[in-house]
Amino acid sequence: MSAHIAKARVVKVAVGSERGNRVARILFAGDIVPDGVSDDQIARLLERGLIEKVAEESTEVELPEGAPTERWTAPQLKKYAETHGVDIGAAKNKPDVLAIVAEHAAKQSAPAGD
């Protein structure tokens, strides 16, 4: 199964069986499309340019220069957390992970004694 990532600022997907209860999920740019989204829906979102296929997991994620920002992708934020020993706990979506790593980065760049 291929992984996909949200390209648009906001993407709404339906997770679950087409015959059962489906749950709407809101994704933000950089979020990974969750398991349970139908292949038909993936195809429509790809066609509209709302999501894109991401490289295989074995591909190394490169970190941008400077402190984490909202322009970083979710994989970049998670890589930053892993590299800097930041515990992101149960944070699963991009805004939550960004808040945690941005706070860590701010503490690291603050002058000693603050």
PDB file of N, CA and C in Angstrom:
ATOM      1  N   MET A   1       0.838  -1.182   0.000  1.00  0.00           N
ATOM      2  CA  MET A   1       0.000   0.000   0.000  1.00  0.00           C
ATOM      3  C   MET A   1       0.881   1.242   0.000  1.00  0.00           C
ATOM      4  N   SER A   2       0.576   2.187  -0.834  1.00  0.00           N
ATOM      5  CA  SER A   2       1.349   3.410  -0.945  1.00  0.00           C
ATOM      6  C   SER A   2       0.887   4.430   0.084  1.00  0.00           C
ATOM      7  N   ALA A   3       1.822   5.256   0.510  1.00  0.00           N
ATOM      8  CA  ALA A   3       1.488   6.337   1.433  1.00  0.00           C
ATOM      9  C   ALA A   3       1.227   7.606   0.634  1.00  0.00           C
ATOM     10  N   HIS A   4       0.305   8.403   1.134  1.00  0.00           N
ATOM     11  CA  HIS A   4      -0.029   9.675   0.499  1.00  0.00           C
ATOM     12  C   HIS A   4      -0.012  10.765   1.555  1.00  0.00           C
ATOM     13  N   ILE A   5       0.236  11.984   1.108  1.00  0.00           N
ATOM     14  CA  ILE A   5       0.324  13.119   2.009  1.00  0.00           C
ATOM     15  C   ILE A   5      -0.542  14.257   1.460  1.00  0.00           C
ATOM     16  N   ALA A   6      -1.159  15.009   2.359  1.00  0.00           N
ATOM     17  CA  ALA A   6      -2.006  16.128   1.941  1.00  0.00           C
ATOM     18  C   ALA A   6      -1.138  17.253   1.384  1.00  0.00           C
ATOM     19  N   LYS A   7      -1.524  17.757   0.207  1.00  0.00           N
ATOM     20  CA  LYS A   7      -0.841  18.886  -0.423  1.00  0.00           C
ATOM     21  C   LYS A   7      -1.585  20.185  -0.171  1.00  0.00           C
ATOM     22  N   ALA A   8      -2.898  20.132  -0.184  1.00  0.00           N
ATOM     23  CA  ALA A   8      -3.713  21.319   0.013  1.00  0.00           C
ATOM     24  C   ALA A   8      -3.685  21.721   1.489  1.00  0.00           C
ATOM     25  N   ARG A   9      -4.041  22.965   1.766  1.00  0.00           N
ATOM     26  CA  ARG A   9      -4.053  23.436   3.155  1.00  0.00           C
ATOM     27  C   ARG A   9      -4.960  22.576   4.019  1.00  0.00           C
ATOM     28  N   VAL A  10      -6.132  22.219   3.494  1.00  0.00           N
ATOM     29  CA  VAL A  10      -7.090  21.394   4.227  1.00  0.00           C
ATOM     30  C   VAL A  10      -7.703  20.387   3.256  1.00  0.00           C
ATOM     31  N   VAL A  11      -7.770  19.126   3.691  1.00  0.00           N
ATOM     32  CA  VAL A  11      -8.361  18.065   2.879  1.00  0.00           C
ATOM     33  C   VAL A  11      -9.286  17.250   3.786  1.00  0.00           C
ATOM     34  N   LYS A  12     -10.512  17.025   3.336  1.00  0.00           N
ATOM     35  CA  LYS A  12     -11.459  16.192   4.087  1.00  0.00           C
ATOM     36  C   LYS A  12     -11.494  14.814   3.440  1.00  0.00           C
ATOM     37  N   VAL A  13     -11.326  13.785   4.270  1.00  0.00           N
ATOM     38  CA  VAL A  13     -11.397  12.409   3.776  1.00  0.00           C
ATOM     39  C   VAL A  13     -12.399  11.635   4.624  1.00  0.00           C
ATOM     40  N   ALA A  14     -12.921  10.561   4.049  1.00  0.00           N
ATOM     41  CA  ALA A  14     -13.812   9.661   4.766  1.00  0.00           C
ATOM     42  C   ALA A  14     -13.053   8.371   5.038  1.00  0.00           C
ATOM     43  N   VAL A  15     -13.040   7.953   6.294  1.00  0.00           N
ATOM     44  CA  VAL A  15     -12.322   6.745   6.696  1.00  0.00           C
ATOM     45  C   VAL A  15     -13.335   5.689   7.093  1.00  0.00           C
ATOM     46  N   GLY A  16     -13.156   4.486   6.574  1.00  0.00           N
ATOM     47  CA  GLY A  16     -14.037   3.390   6.937  1.00  0.00           C
ATOM     48  C   GLY A  16     -14.673   2.748   5.726  1.00  0.00           C
ATOM     49  N   SER A  17     -15.391   1.679   5.991  1.00  0.00           N
ATOM     50  CA  SER A  17     -16.050   0.914   4.947  1.00  0.00           C
ATOM     51  C   SER A  17     -17.166   1.708   4.300  1.00  0.00           C
ATOM     52  N   GLU A  18     -17.305   1.563   2.995  1.00  0.00           N
ATOM     53  CA  GLU A  18     -18.382   2.251   2.283  1.00  0.00           C
ATOM     54  C   GLU A  18     -19.740   1.693   2.676  1.00  0.00           C
ATOM     55  N   ARG A  19     -19.774   0.501   3.222  1.00  0.00           N
ATOM     56  CA  ARG A  19     -21.038  -0.122   3.621  1.00  0.00           C
ATOM     57  C   ARG A  19     -21.339   0.083   5.103  1.00  0.00           C
ATOM     58  N   GLY A  20     -20.376   0.574   5.845  1.00  0.00           N
ATOM     59  CA  GLY A  20     -20.562   0.740   7.286  1.00  0.00           C
ATOM     60  C   GLY A  20     -20.468   2.203   7.683  1.00  0.00           C
ATOM     61  N   ASN A  21     -20.179   2.411   8.931  1.00  0.00           N
ATOM     62  CA  ASN A  21     -20.028   3.776   9.424  1.00  0.00           C
ATOM     63  C   ASN A  21     -18.699   4.342   8.944  1.00  0.00           C
ATOM     64  N   ARG A  22     -18.771   5.544   8.401  1.00  0.00           N
ATOM     65  CA  ARG A  22     -17.570   6.226   7.946  1.00  0.00           C
ATOM     66  C   ARG A  22     -17.363   7.448   8.828  1.00  0.00           C
ATOM     67  N   VAL A  23     -16.124   7.788   9.022  1.00  0.00           N
ATOM     68  CA  VAL A  23     -15.778   8.930   9.850  1.00  0.00           C
ATOM     69  C   VAL A  23     -15.031   9.940   8.999  1.00  0.00           C
ATOM     70  N   ALA A  24     -15.444  11.185   9.075  1.00  0.00           N
ATOM     71  CA  ALA A  24     -14.748  12.245   8.341  1.00  0.00           C
ATOM     72  C   ALA A  24     -13.500  12.638   9.123  1.00  0.00           C
ATOM     73  N   ARG A  25     -12.397  12.821   8.409  1.00  0.00           N
ATOM     74  CA  ARG A  25     -11.149  13.291   9.010  1.00  0.00           C
ATOM     75  C   ARG A  25     -10.696  14.503   8.231  1.00  0.00           C
ATOM     76  N   ILE A  26     -10.238  15.497   8.932  1.00  0.00           N
ATOM     77  CA  ILE A  26      -9.686  16.696   8.320  1.00  0.00           C
ATOM     78  C   ILE A  26      -8.172  16.593   8.394  1.00  0.00           C
ATOM     79  N   LEU A  27      -7.531  16.723   7.239  1.00  0.00           N
ATOM     80  CA  LEU A  27      -6.076  16.686   7.155  1.00  0.00           C
ATOM     81  C   LEU A  27      -5.570  18.068   6.779  1.00  0.00           C
ATOM     82  N   PHE A  28      -4.408  18.403   7.288  1.00  0.00           N
ATOM     83  CA  PHE A  28      -3.768  19.660   6.944  1.00  0.00           C
ATOM     84  C   PHE A  28      -2.548  19.359   6.091  1.00  0.00           C
ATOM     85  N   ALA A  29      -2.083  20.349   5.349  1.00  0.00           N
ATOM     86  CA  ALA A  29      -0.935  20.160   4.458  1.00  0.00           C
ATOM     87  C   ALA A  29       0.194  19.474   5.219  1.00  0.00           C
ATOM     88  N   GLY A  30       0.689  18.395   4.641  1.00  0.00           N
ATOM     89  CA  GLY A  30       1.771  17.643   5.249  1.00  0.00           C
ATOM     90  C   GLY A  30       1.326  16.432   6.044  1.00  0.00           C
ATOM     91  N   ASP A  31       0.038  16.349   6.384  1.00  0.00           N
ATOM     92  CA  ASP A  31      -0.465  15.188   7.124  1.00  0.00           C
ATOM     93  C   ASP A  31      -0.515  13.973   6.209  1.00  0.00           C
ATOM     94  N   ILE A  32      -0.301  12.809   6.788  1.00  0.00           N
ATOM     95  CA  ILE A  32      -0.359  11.556   6.043  1.00  0.00           C
ATOM     96  C   ILE A  32      -1.809  11.093   5.980  1.00  0.00           C
ATOM     97  N   VAL A  33      -2.250  10.675   4.798  1.00  0.00           N
ATOM     98  CA  VAL A  33      -3.604  10.159   4.616  1.00  0.00           C
ATOM     99  C   VAL A  33      -3.709   8.844   5.394  1.00  0.00           C
ATOM    100  N   PRO A  34      -4.692   8.727   6.301  1.00  0.00           N
ATOM    101  CA  PRO A  34      -4.787   7.533   7.144  1.00  0.00           C
ATOM    102  C   PRO A  34      -5.246   6.292   6.374  1.00  0.00           C
ATOM    103  N   ASP A  35      -4.951   5.138   6.958  1.00  0.00           N
ATOM    104  CA  ASP A  35      -5.471   3.884   6.417  1.00  0.00           C
ATOM    105  C   ASP A  35      -6.992   3.937   6.499  1.00  0.00           C
ATOM    106  N   GLY A  36      -7.662   3.259   5.592  1.00  0.00           N
ATOM    107  CA  GLY A  36      -9.117   3.205   5.617  1.00  0.00           C
ATOM    108  C   GLY A  36      -9.779   4.131   4.619  1.00  0.00           C
ATOM    109  N   VAL A  37      -8.992   4.953   3.925  1.00  0.00           N
ATOM    110  CA  VAL A  37      -9.540   5.802   2.869  1.00  0.00           C
ATOM    111  C   VAL A  37      -9.590   4.944   1.610  1.00  0.00           C
ATOM    112  N   SER A  38     -10.740   4.917   0.942  1.00  0.00           N
ATOM    113  CA  SER A  38     -10.917   4.024  -0.208  1.00  0.00           C
ATOM    114  C   SER A  38      -9.988   4.389  -1.363  1.00  0.00           C
ATOM    115  N   ASP A  39      -9.684   3.395  -2.179  1.00  0.00           N
ATOM    116  CA  ASP A  39      -8.840   3.613  -3.356  1.00  0.00           C
ATOM    117  C   ASP A  39      -9.487   4.607  -4.322  1.00  0.00           C
ATOM    118  N   ASP A  40     -10.826   4.545  -4.454  1.00  0.00           N
ATOM    119  CA  ASP A  40     -11.533   5.493  -5.320  1.00  0.00           C
ATOM    120  C   ASP A  40     -11.350   6.925  -4.832  1.00  0.00           C
ATOM    121  N   GLN A  41     -11.467   7.114  -3.532  1.00  0.00           N
ATOM    122  CA  GLN A  41     -11.301   8.454  -2.968  1.00  0.00           C
ATOM    123  C   GLN A  41      -9.856   8.940  -3.145  1.00  0.00           C
ATOM    124  N   ILE A  42      -8.891   8.039  -2.932  1.00  0.00           N
ATOM    125  CA  ILE A  42      -7.473   8.381  -3.141  1.00  0.00           C
ATOM    126  C   ILE A  42      -7.274   8.843  -4.587  1.00  0.00           C
ATOM    127  N   ALA A  43      -7.846   8.103  -5.534  1.00  0.00           N
ATOM    128  CA  ALA A  43      -7.692   8.445  -6.952  1.00  0.00           C
ATOM    129  C   ALA A  43      -8.274   9.830  -7.250  1.00  0.00           C
ATOM    130  N   ARG A  44      -9.458  10.121  -6.687  1.00  0.00           N
ATOM    131  CA  ARG A  44     -10.082  11.435  -6.910  1.00  0.00           C
ATOM    132  C   ARG A  44      -9.247  12.562  -6.302  1.00  0.00           C
ATOM    133  N   LEU A  45      -8.723  12.350  -5.107  1.00  0.00           N
ATOM    134  CA  LEU A  45      -7.914  13.372  -4.445  1.00  0.00           C
ATOM    135  C   LEU A  45      -6.598  13.603  -5.182  1.00  0.00           C
ATOM    136  N   LEU A  46      -6.004  12.522  -5.716  1.00  0.00           N
ATOM    137  CA  LEU A  46      -4.785  12.664  -6.514  1.00  0.00           C
ATOM    138  C   LEU A  46      -5.065  13.453  -7.787  1.00  0.00           C
ATOM    139  N   GLU A  47      -6.167  13.116  -8.441  1.00  0.00           N
ATOM    140  CA  GLU A  47      -6.543  13.778  -9.691  1.00  0.00           C
ATOM    141  C   GLU A  47      -6.760  15.275  -9.487  1.00  0.00           C
ATOM    142  N   ARG A  48      -7.336  15.638  -8.359  1.00  0.00           N
ATOM    143  CA  ARG A  48      -7.601  17.049  -8.056  1.00  0.00           C
ATOM    144  C   ARG A  48      -6.382  17.775  -7.498  1.00  0.00           C
ATOM    145  N   GLY A  49      -5.292  17.039  -7.246  1.00  0.00           N
ATOM    146  CA  GLY A  49      -4.072  17.658  -6.735  1.00  0.00           C
ATOM    147  C   GLY A  49      -4.119  17.999  -5.254  1.00  0.00           C
ATOM    148  N   LEU A  50      -5.043  17.377  -4.527  1.00  0.00           N
ATOM    149  CA  LEU A  50      -5.179  17.661  -3.099  1.00  0.00           C
ATOM    150  C   LEU A  50      -4.210  16.846  -2.251  1.00  0.00           C
ATOM    151  N   ILE A  51      -3.805  15.688  -2.771  1.00  0.00           N
ATOM    152  CA  ILE A  51      -2.825  14.843  -2.088  1.00  0.00           C
ATOM    153  C   ILE A  51      -1.769  14.431  -3.102  1.00  0.00           C
ATOM    154  N   GLU A  52      -0.665  13.878  -2.597  1.00  0.00           N
ATOM    155  CA  GLU A  52       0.361  13.343  -3.483  1.00  0.00           C
ATOM    156  C   GLU A  52       0.942  12.084  -2.862  1.00  0.00           C
ATOM    157  N   LYS A  53       1.455  11.229  -3.716  1.00  0.00           N
ATOM    158  CA  LYS A  53       2.096  10.011  -3.269  1.00  0.00           C
ATOM    159  C   LYS A  53       3.458  10.392  -2.704  1.00  0.00           C
ATOM    160  N   VAL A  54       3.802   9.814  -1.570  1.00  0.00           N
ATOM    161  CA  VAL A  54       5.099  10.119  -0.967  1.00  0.00           C
ATOM    162  C   VAL A  54       6.075   8.996  -1.252  1.00  0.00           C
ATOM    163  N   ALA A  55       7.336   9.337  -1.166  1.00  0.00           N
ATOM    164  CA  ALA A  55       8.391   8.364  -1.407  1.00  0.00           C
ATOM    165  C   ALA A  55       8.296   7.242  -0.380  1.00  0.00           C
ATOM    166  N   GLU A  56       8.877   6.150  -0.713  1.00  0.00           N
ATOM    167  CA  GLU A  56       8.876   5.002   0.186  1.00  0.00           C
ATOM    168  C   GLU A  56       9.521   5.375   1.513  1.00  0.00           C
ATOM    169  N   GLU A  57       9.140   4.670   2.565  1.00  0.00           N
ATOM    170  CA  GLU A  57       9.631   4.946   3.910  1.00  0.00           C
ATOM    171  C   GLU A  57      11.147   4.894   4.017  1.00  0.00           C
ATOM    172  N   SER A  58      11.796   4.151   3.140  1.00  0.00           N
ATOM    173  CA  SER A  58      13.246   4.023   3.225  1.00  0.00           C
ATOM    174  C   SER A  58      13.962   5.299   2.793  1.00  0.00           C
ATOM    175  N   THR A  59      13.248   6.202   2.126  1.00  0.00           N
ATOM    176  CA  THR A  59      13.840   7.452   1.688  1.00  0.00           C
ATOM    177  C   THR A  59      14.085   8.345   2.901  1.00  0.00           C
ATOM    178  N   GLU A  60      15.262   8.901   2.977  1.00  0.00           N
ATOM    179  CA  GLU A  60      15.639   9.765   4.092  1.00  0.00           C
ATOM    180  C   GLU A  60      14.896  11.100   4.011  1.00  0.00           C
ATOM    181  N   VAL A  61      14.355  11.539   5.129  1.00  0.00           N
ATOM    182  CA  VAL A  61      13.679  12.826   5.216  1.00  0.00           C
ATOM    183  C   VAL A  61      14.735  13.882   5.504  1.00  0.00           C
ATOM    184  N   GLU A  62      14.773  14.923   4.680  1.00  0.00           N
ATOM    185  CA  GLU A  62      15.738  15.997   4.887  1.00  0.00           C
ATOM    186  C   GLU A  62      15.083  17.124   5.663  1.00  0.00           C
ATOM    187  N   LEU A  63      15.813  17.640   6.661  1.00  0.00           N
ATOM    188  CA  LEU A  63      15.301  18.737   7.463  1.00  0.00           C
ATOM    189  C   LEU A  63      15.699  20.075   6.857  1.00  0.00           C
ATOM    190  N   PRO A  64      14.747  21.000   6.762  1.00  0.00           N
ATOM    191  CA  PRO A  64      15.078  22.345   6.282  1.00  0.00           C
ATOM    192  C   PRO A  64      15.969  23.072   7.301  1.00  0.00           C
ATOM    193  N   GLU A  65      16.585  24.155   6.870  1.00  0.00           N
ATOM    194  CA  GLU A  65      17.399  24.981   7.760  1.00  0.00           C
ATOM    195  C   GLU A  65      16.494  25.718   8.743  1.00  0.00           C
ATOM    196  N   GLY A  66      17.035  26.023   9.901  1.00  0.00           N
ATOM    197  CA  GLY A  66      16.324  26.857  10.867  1.00  0.00           C
ATOM    198  C   GLY A  66      15.345  26.098  11.740  1.00  0.00           C
ATOM    199  N   ALA A  67      14.557  26.889  12.463  1.00  0.00           N
ATOM    200  CA  ALA A  67      13.574  26.336  13.394  1.00  0.00           C
ATOM    201  C   ALA A  67      12.354  25.813  12.640  1.00  0.00           C
ATOM    202  N   PRO A  68      11.672  24.828  13.210  1.00  0.00           N
ATOM    203  CA  PRO A  68      10.472  24.279  12.576  1.00  0.00           C
ATOM    204  C   PRO A  68       9.389  25.344  12.380  1.00  0.00           C
ATOM    205  N   THR A  69       8.727  25.291  11.230  1.00  0.00           N
ATOM    206  CA  THR A  69       7.629  26.201  10.925  1.00  0.00           C
ATOM    207  C   THR A  69       6.470  25.405  10.345  1.00  0.00           C
ATOM    208  N   GLU A  70       5.353  26.082  10.115  1.00  0.00           N
ATOM    209  CA  GLU A  70       4.182  25.402   9.551  1.00  0.00           C
ATOM    210  C   GLU A  70       4.408  24.952   8.116  1.00  0.00           C
ATOM    211  N   ARG A  71       5.454  25.452   7.470  1.00  0.00           N
ATOM    212  CA  ARG A  71       5.759  25.034   6.099  1.00  0.00           C
ATOM    213  C   ARG A  71       6.439  23.662   6.051  1.00  0.00           C
ATOM    214  N   TRP A  72       6.942  23.210   7.194  1.00  0.00           N
ATOM    215  CA  TRP A  72       7.556  21.884   7.242  1.00  0.00           C
ATOM    216  C   TRP A  72       6.464  20.835   7.099  1.00  0.00           C
ATOM    217  N   THR A  73       6.800  19.705   6.493  1.00  0.00           N
ATOM    218  CA  THR A  73       5.846  18.602   6.378  1.00  0.00           C
ATOM    219  C   THR A  73       5.804  17.824   7.690  1.00  0.00           C
ATOM    220  N   ALA A  74       4.759  17.035   7.862  1.00  0.00           N
ATOM    221  CA  ALA A  74       4.639  16.205   9.065  1.00  0.00           C
ATOM    222  C   ALA A  74       5.848  15.264   9.208  1.00  0.00           C
ATOM    223  N   PRO A  75       6.304  14.593   8.132  1.00  0.00           N
ATOM    224  CA  PRO A  75       7.489  13.740   8.286  1.00  0.00           C
ATOM    225  C   PRO A  75       8.733  14.529   8.707  1.00  0.00           C
ATOM    226  N   GLN A  76       8.888  15.766   8.230  1.00  0.00           N
ATOM    227  CA  GLN A  76      10.028  16.583   8.634  1.00  0.00           C
ATOM    228  C   GLN A  76       9.938  16.940  10.122  1.00  0.00           C
ATOM    229  N   LEU A  77       8.743  17.273  10.582  1.00  0.00           N
ATOM    230  CA  LEU A  77       8.565  17.602  11.996  1.00  0.00           C
ATOM    231  C   LEU A  77       8.852  16.391  12.884  1.00  0.00           C
ATOM    232  N   LYS A  78       8.380  15.230  12.451  1.00  0.00           N
ATOM    233  CA  LYS A  78       8.629  14.013  13.235  1.00  0.00           C
ATOM    234  C   LYS A  78      10.110  13.651  13.228  1.00  0.00           C
ATOM    235  N   LYS A  79      10.788  13.867  12.104  1.00  0.00           N
ATOM    236  CA  LYS A  79      12.225  13.619  12.021  1.00  0.00           C
ATOM    237  C   LYS A  79      12.975  14.575  12.949  1.00  0.00           C
ATOM    238  N   TYR A  80      12.556  15.845  12.995  1.00  0.00           N
ATOM    239  CA  TYR A  80      13.163  16.825  13.898  1.00  0.00           C
ATOM    240  C   TYR A  80      13.023  16.335  15.340  1.00  0.00           C
ATOM    241  N   ALA A  81      11.817  15.903  15.703  1.00  0.00           N
ATOM    242  CA  ALA A  81      11.571  15.425  17.064  1.00  0.00           C
ATOM    243  C   ALA A  81      12.469  14.231  17.384  1.00  0.00           C
ATOM    244  N   GLU A  82      12.565  13.297  16.449  1.00  0.00           N
ATOM    245  CA  GLU A  82      13.402  12.112  16.644  1.00  0.00           C
ATOM    246  C   GLU A  82      14.873  12.500  16.797  1.00  0.00           C
ATOM    247  N   THR A  83      15.344  13.373  15.934  1.00  0.00           N
ATOM    248  CA  THR A  83      16.741  13.793  15.932  1.00  0.00           C
ATOM    249  C   THR A  83      17.118  14.560  17.198  1.00  0.00           C
ATOM    250  N   HIS A  84      16.192  15.372  17.715  1.00  0.00           N
ATOM    251  CA  HIS A  84      16.480  16.218  18.878  1.00  0.00           C
ATOM    252  C   HIS A  84      15.974  15.635  20.195  1.00  0.00           C
ATOM    253  N   GLY A  85      15.505  14.394  20.168  1.00  0.00           N
ATOM    254  CA  GLY A  85      15.059  13.742  21.393  1.00  0.00           C
ATOM    255  C   GLY A  85      13.807  14.357  21.999  1.00  0.00           C
ATOM    256  N   VAL A  86      12.923  14.858  21.151  1.00  0.00           N
ATOM    257  CA  VAL A  86      11.685  15.488  21.624  1.00  0.00           C
ATOM    258  C   VAL A  86      10.577  14.441  21.649  1.00  0.00           C
ATOM    259  N   ASP A  87       9.961  14.265  22.813  1.00  0.00           N
ATOM    260  CA  ASP A  87       8.857  13.318  22.952  1.00  0.00           C
ATOM    261  C   ASP A  87       7.580  13.992  22.468  1.00  0.00           C
ATOM    262  N   ILE A  88       7.022  13.487  21.368  1.00  0.00           N
ATOM    263  CA  ILE A  88       5.784  14.083  20.846  1.00  0.00           C
ATOM    264  C   ILE A  88       4.545  13.403  21.432  1.00  0.00           C
ATOM    265  N   GLY A  89       4.754  12.446  22.314  1.00  0.00           N
ATOM    266  CA  GLY A  89       3.644  11.794  23.011  1.00  0.00           C
ATOM    267  C   GLY A  89       2.620  11.230  22.057  1.00  0.00           C
ATOM    268  N   ALA A  90       1.365  11.560  22.295  1.00  0.00           N
ATOM    269  CA  ALA A  90       0.265  11.034  21.491  1.00  0.00           C
ATOM    270  C   ALA A  90      -0.088  11.957  20.320  1.00  0.00           C
ATOM    271  N   ALA A  91       0.705  13.001  20.099  1.00  0.00           N
ATOM    272  CA  ALA A  91       0.416  13.922  18.997  1.00  0.00           C
ATOM    273  C   ALA A  91       0.455  13.163  17.680  1.00  0.00           C
ATOM    274  N   LYS A  92      -0.612  13.261  16.903  1.00  0.00           N
ATOM    275  CA  LYS A  92      -0.677  12.536  15.637  1.00  0.00           C
ATOM    276  C   LYS A  92      -0.825  13.460  14.447  1.00  0.00           C
ATOM    277  N   ASN A  93      -1.413  14.637  14.651  1.00  0.00           N
ATOM    278  CA  ASN A  93      -1.600  15.514  13.492  1.00  0.00           C
ATOM    279  C   ASN A  93      -0.513  16.586  13.463  1.00  0.00           C
ATOM    280  N   LYS A  94      -0.344  17.159  12.319  1.00  0.00           N
ATOM    281  CA  LYS A  94       0.737  18.111  12.092  1.00  0.00           C
ATOM    282  C   LYS A  94       0.700  19.308  13.051  1.00  0.00           C
ATOM    283  N   PRO A  95      -0.457  19.960  13.269  1.00  0.00           N
ATOM    284  CA  PRO A  95      -0.460  21.115  14.181  1.00  0.00           C
ATOM    285  C   PRO A  95      -0.001  20.760  15.601  1.00  0.00           C
ATOM    286  N   ASP A  96      -0.392  19.591  16.095  1.00  0.00           N
ATOM    287  CA  ASP A  96       0.019  19.186  17.443  1.00  0.00           C
ATOM    288  C   ASP A  96       1.521  18.916  17.512  1.00  0.00           C
ATOM    289  N   VAL A  97       2.048  18.218  16.503  1.00  0.00           N
ATOM    290  CA  VAL A  97       3.483  17.931  16.472  1.00  0.00           C
ATOM    291  C   VAL A  97       4.263  19.238  16.329  1.00  0.00           C
ATOM    292  N   LEU A  98       3.795  20.134  15.469  1.00  0.00           N
ATOM    293  CA  LEU A  98       4.466  21.423  15.281  1.00  0.00           C
ATOM    294  C   LEU A  98       4.518  22.203  16.593  1.00  0.00           C
ATOM    295  N   ALA A  99       3.431  22.242  17.337  1.00  0.00           N
ATOM    296  CA  ALA A  99       3.411  22.978  18.610  1.00  0.00           C
ATOM    297  C   ALA A  99       4.477  22.451  19.563  1.00  0.00           C
ATOM    298  N   ILE A 100       4.623  21.137  19.633  1.00  0.00           N
ATOM    299  CA  ILE A 100       5.592  20.526  20.542  1.00  0.00           C
ATOM    300  C   ILE A 100       7.024  20.823  20.097  1.00  0.00           C
ATOM    301  N   VAL A 101       7.323  20.601  18.816  1.00  0.00           N
ATOM    302  CA  VAL A 101       8.709  20.806  18.358  1.00  0.00           C
ATOM    303  C   VAL A 101       9.069  22.287  18.314  1.00  0.00           C
ATOM    304  N   ALA A 102       8.108  23.164  18.010  1.00  0.00           N
ATOM    305  CA  ALA A 102       8.388  24.605  17.992  1.00  0.00           C
ATOM    306  C   ALA A 102       8.703  25.101  19.404  1.00  0.00           C
ATOM    307  N   GLU A 103       7.980  24.596  20.381  1.00  0.00           N
ATOM    308  CA  GLU A 103       8.261  24.968  21.777  1.00  0.00           C
ATOM    309  C   GLU A 103       9.663  24.507  22.167  1.00  0.00           C
ATOM    310  N   HIS A 104      10.017  23.296  21.779  1.00  0.00           N
ATOM    311  CA  HIS A 104      11.362  22.780  22.072  1.00  0.00           C
ATOM    312  C   HIS A 104      12.426  23.641  21.400  1.00  0.00           C
ATOM    313  N   ALA A 105      12.218  23.981  20.134  1.00  0.00           N
ATOM    314  CA  ALA A 105      13.195  24.792  19.400  1.00  0.00           C
ATOM    315  C   ALA A 105      13.345  26.168  20.036  1.00  0.00           C
ATOM    316  N   ALA A 106      12.237  26.748  20.491  1.00  0.00           N
ATOM    317  CA  ALA A 106      12.292  28.069  21.129  1.00  0.00           C
ATOM    318  C   ALA A 106      13.093  28.011  22.423  1.00  0.00           C
ATOM    319  N   LYS A 107      12.902  26.949  23.201  1.00  0.00           N
ATOM    320  CA  LYS A 107      13.659  26.786  24.450  1.00  0.00           C
ATOM    321  C   LYS A 107      15.145  26.619  24.163  1.00  0.00           C
ATOM    322  N   GLN A 108      15.473  25.907  23.085  1.00  0.00           N
ATOM    323  CA  GLN A 108      16.870  25.666  22.733  1.00  0.00           C
ATOM    324  C   GLN A 108      17.561  26.948  22.284  1.00  0.00           C
ATOM    325  N   SER A 109      16.816  27.853  21.649  1.00  0.00           N
ATOM    326  CA  SER A 109      17.435  29.067  21.131  1.00  0.00           C
ATOM    327  C   SER A 109      17.371  30.232  22.126  1.00  0.00           C
ATOM    328  N   ALA A 110      16.657  30.057  23.240  1.00  0.00           N
ATOM    329  CA  ALA A 110      16.550  31.117  24.243  1.00  0.00           C
ATOM    330  C   ALA A 110      17.891  31.270  24.948  1.00  0.00           C
ATOM    331  N   PRO A 111      18.291  32.514  25.257  1.00  0.00           N
ATOM    332  CA  PRO A 111      19.553  32.738  25.979  1.00  0.00           C
ATOM    333  C   PRO A 111      19.506  32.081  27.357  1.00  0.00           C
ATOM    334  N   ALA A 112      20.657  31.627  27.840  1.00  0.00           N
ATOM    335  CA  ALA A 112      20.741  30.987  29.150  1.00  0.00           C
ATOM    336  C   ALA A 112      20.294  31.965  30.219  1.00  0.00           C
ATOM    337  N   GLY A 113      19.578  31.476  31.219  1.00  0.00           N
ATOM    338  CA  GLY A 113      19.121  32.307  32.324  1.00  0.00           C
ATOM    339  C   GLY A 113      17.709  32.814  32.148  1.00  0.00           C
ATOM    340  N   ASP A 114      17.083  32.527  31.012  1.00  0.00           N
ATOM    341  CA  ASP A 114      15.694  32.973  30.793  1.00  0.00           C
ATOM    342  C   ASP A 114      14.724  31.998  31.383  1.00  0.00           C
TER     343      ASP A 114
END
